[in-house]
């Protein structure tokens, strides 16, 4: 199924940058993040409260740079994910109702030269944090070797992905 990513007058598009997140209950917004290569995009959405968010994290573990973790907590899975979820809970979302999707974690560079395996390490870190906290992943498209653009429509919870190959719906809207 092809996703419609074109802006409409009634839907405002809001960009989420690298190492950042947006959490909102504005049902007229579509959140979008670009260039998910080895980075991971994480969406969450509560169908009852219409609270949703999109996080673009870059690295699995903040122990590599405690200073950066203080100034840019959303750069890292271990510091960004807890704050991301707390922001959603503060707007009325409940963990038991959340629809969670992830995308990215690709192998970047030429085959055989992904020495640090950041994409795989990001995915492992996110899964471990979710497992420890009882968070289920409802949909995912990870790995491979292509960057992706990820969107979340707050009104419906629809999550779409676009790559150089195609556009598709990862989580159908409600």
Protein backbone atom coordinates (compact mmCIF):
# COMPACT_ATOMS: atom_id res chain seq x y z
CA UNK A 1 0.00 0.00 0.00
CA UNK A 2 1.43 3.38 -0.96
CA UNK A 3 1.44 6.04 1.73
CA UNK A 4 0.34 9.60 1.08
CA UNK A 5 3.12 11.75 2.52
CA UNK A 6 2.09 14.97 0.81
CA UNK A 7 1.12 17.80 3.17
CA UNK A 8 -2.50 18.89 3.15
CA UNK A 9 -3.96 22.17 4.39
CA UNK A 10 -5.49 20.44 7.42
CA UNK A 11 -2.34 18.53 8.45
CA UNK A 12 0.77 20.32 9.64
CA UNK A 13 4.05 18.52 9.13
CA UNK A 14 6.55 18.80 11.97
CA UNK A 15 10.15 17.64 11.53
CA UNK A 16 12.05 15.69 14.16
CA UNK A 17 15.81 16.18 13.87
CA UNK A 18 18.69 13.87 14.65
CA UNK A 19 19.00 13.14 18.36
CA UNK A 20 15.64 14.73 19.07
CA UNK A 21 12.00 13.89 19.69
CA UNK A 22 8.55 15.42 19.51
CA UNK A 23 5.62 14.29 21.66
CA UNK A 24 2.22 15.88 21.05
CA UNK A 25 -1.52 15.50 21.26
CA UNK A 26 -2.16 17.88 18.34
CA UNK A 27 -4.27 15.75 16.01
CA UNK A 28 -3.63 18.07 13.08
CA UNK A 29 0.08 17.16 13.04
CA UNK A 30 2.15 14.62 11.17
CA UNK A 31 5.62 14.05 12.62
CA UNK A 32 8.42 13.19 10.21
CA UNK A 33 12.09 12.28 10.51
CA UNK A 34 14.51 11.81 7.66
CA UNK A 35 17.61 9.73 6.93
CA UNK A 36 17.19 6.83 9.33
CA UNK A 37 20.31 4.92 8.33
CA UNK A 38 21.99 3.25 11.30
CA UNK A 39 19.86 5.53 13.51
CA UNK A 40 16.53 4.28 14.80
CA UNK A 41 13.19 5.99 14.62
CA UNK A 42 10.74 5.08 17.37
CA UNK A 43 7.07 6.03 17.31
CA UNK A 44 4.56 5.66 20.08
CA UNK A 45 0.85 6.41 19.95
CA UNK A 46 -2.02 6.04 22.41
CA UNK A 47 -5.29 5.48 20.50
CA UNK A 48 -7.45 6.67 23.40
CA UNK A 49 -5.74 9.99 24.18
CA UNK A 50 -4.29 10.58 20.68
CA UNK A 51 -0.90 11.28 22.24
CA UNK A 52 1.92 10.38 19.92
CA UNK A 53 5.60 10.90 19.49
CA UNK A 54 8.58 10.27 17.27
CA UNK A 55 12.18 9.86 18.46
CA UNK A 56 15.28 9.84 16.23
CA UNK A 57 18.09 8.23 18.22
CA UNK A 58 21.65 7.82 16.98
CA UNK A 59 23.60 5.62 19.38
CA UNK A 60 22.88 2.74 21.76
CA UNK A 61 24.74 3.73 24.90
CA UNK A 62 25.52 7.03 26.60
CA UNK A 63 28.53 5.69 28.51
CA UNK A 64 30.66 6.63 25.51
CA UNK A 65 29.99 10.33 26.23
CA UNK A 66 28.45 11.31 29.55
CA UNK A 67 28.74 15.01 28.66
CA UNK A 68 26.81 14.56 25.41
CA UNK A 69 24.18 12.53 27.26
CA UNK A 70 23.59 15.51 29.55
CA UNK A 71 23.19 18.02 26.72
CA UNK A 72 21.65 15.68 24.09
CA UNK A 73 19.88 12.82 25.92
CA UNK A 74 17.82 11.85 22.85
CA UNK A 75 21.00 10.96 21.00
CA UNK A 76 21.25 7.71 22.99
CA UNK A 77 18.82 4.82 23.47
CA UNK A 78 19.53 4.43 27.19
CA UNK A 79 18.91 8.10 28.03
CA UNK A 80 16.48 9.10 25.28
CA UNK A 81 13.91 6.30 25.43
CA UNK A 82 12.98 6.76 29.12
CA UNK A 83 12.54 10.52 28.69
CA UNK A 84 10.57 10.02 25.46
CA UNK A 85 8.08 7.71 27.18
CA UNK A 86 7.84 9.95 30.26
CA UNK A 87 6.98 12.89 27.99
CA UNK A 88 4.13 10.83 26.50
CA UNK A 89 2.88 9.76 29.94
CA UNK A 90 2.88 13.41 31.05
CA UNK A 91 0.39 14.15 28.22
CA UNK A 92 -1.91 11.28 29.28
CA UNK A 93 -0.61 8.27 27.35
CA UNK A 94 -0.65 4.91 29.13
CA UNK A 95 1.91 2.19 28.50
CA UNK A 96 -0.70 -0.56 28.25
CA UNK A 97 -2.38 1.18 25.28
CA UNK A 98 0.69 2.26 23.32
CA UNK A 99 1.23 1.23 19.72
CA UNK A 100 5.00 1.22 19.21
CA UNK A 101 6.89 1.01 15.92
CA UNK A 102 10.59 1.16 15.06
CA UNK A 103 12.50 1.63 11.82
CA UNK A 104 16.09 2.10 10.74
CA UNK A 105 19.09 0.30 12.18
CA UNK A 106 20.52 -0.20 8.72
CA UNK A 107 24.03 -1.27 7.80
CA UNK A 108 25.59 1.80 6.25
CA UNK A 109 28.61 2.06 3.99
CA UNK A 110 29.93 -0.53 1.63
CA UNK A 111 29.26 -4.20 2.42
CA UNK A 112 31.79 -5.62 4.86
CA UNK A 113 32.88 -2.19 6.12
CA UNK A 114 30.30 -1.63 8.87
CA UNK A 115 33.00 -2.07 11.53
CA UNK A 116 31.07 -0.58 14.45
CA UNK A 117 27.69 -2.13 13.54
CA UNK A 118 25.85 0.86 14.99
CA UNK A 119 22.53 -0.10 13.41
CA UNK A 120 22.59 -3.59 14.93
CA UNK A 121 23.75 -2.23 18.29
CA UNK A 122 20.99 0.41 18.29
CA UNK A 123 18.38 -2.25 17.61
CA UNK A 124 19.74 -4.55 20.34
CA UNK A 125 19.79 -1.69 22.87
CA UNK A 126 16.20 -0.62 22.10
CA UNK A 127 14.90 -4.19 22.28
CA UNK A 128 16.66 -4.75 25.60
CA UNK A 129 15.26 -1.55 27.12
CA UNK A 130 11.76 -2.40 25.86
CA UNK A 131 11.99 -5.97 27.16
CA UNK A 132 13.13 -4.79 30.63
CA UNK A 133 10.21 -2.36 30.76
CA UNK A 134 7.46 -4.55 29.33
CA UNK A 135 7.03 -2.54 26.12
CA UNK A 136 5.92 -4.46 23.04
CA UNK A 137 6.98 -3.52 19.52
CA UNK A 138 3.87 -3.64 17.34
CA UNK A 139 5.62 -3.11 14.01
CA UNK A 140 9.15 -2.76 12.72
CA UNK A 141 11.25 -2.47 9.63
CA UNK A 142 14.92 -2.59 10.53
CA UNK A 143 18.24 -3.64 9.08
CA UNK A 144 19.07 -3.74 5.42
CA UNK A 145 21.29 -1.13 3.84
CA UNK A 146 18.97 1.74 2.89
CA UNK A 147 17.99 4.92 4.72
CA UNK A 148 14.32 5.51 5.52
CA UNK A 149 12.00 8.43 6.22
CA UNK A 150 9.43 7.75 8.96
CA UNK A 151 6.18 9.58 9.69
CA UNK A 152 3.50 9.37 12.37
CA UNK A 153 0.06 10.90 11.89
CA UNK A 154 -1.18 11.88 15.35
CA UNK A 155 -4.92 11.74 14.55
CA UNK A 156 -4.87 8.12 13.40
CA UNK A 157 -1.58 6.57 14.57
CA UNK A 158 -0.63 5.72 10.99
CA UNK A 159 3.10 5.14 10.61
CA UNK A 160 4.56 5.31 7.12
CA UNK A 161 8.02 4.63 5.71
CA UNK A 162 9.61 5.93 2.56
CA UNK A 163 12.88 4.76 1.05
CA UNK A 164 14.54 5.15 -2.32
CA UNK A 165 12.55 2.09 -3.41
CA UNK A 166 9.00 2.76 -2.22
CA UNK A 167 6.50 4.21 0.24
CA UNK A 168 4.44 1.98 2.49
CA UNK A 169 2.30 1.88 5.61
CA UNK A 170 4.01 0.20 8.58
CA UNK A 171 1.13 0.75 11.02
CA UNK A 172 -2.35 1.31 9.52
CA UNK A 173 -4.31 4.24 10.91
CA UNK A 174 -7.36 3.78 13.06
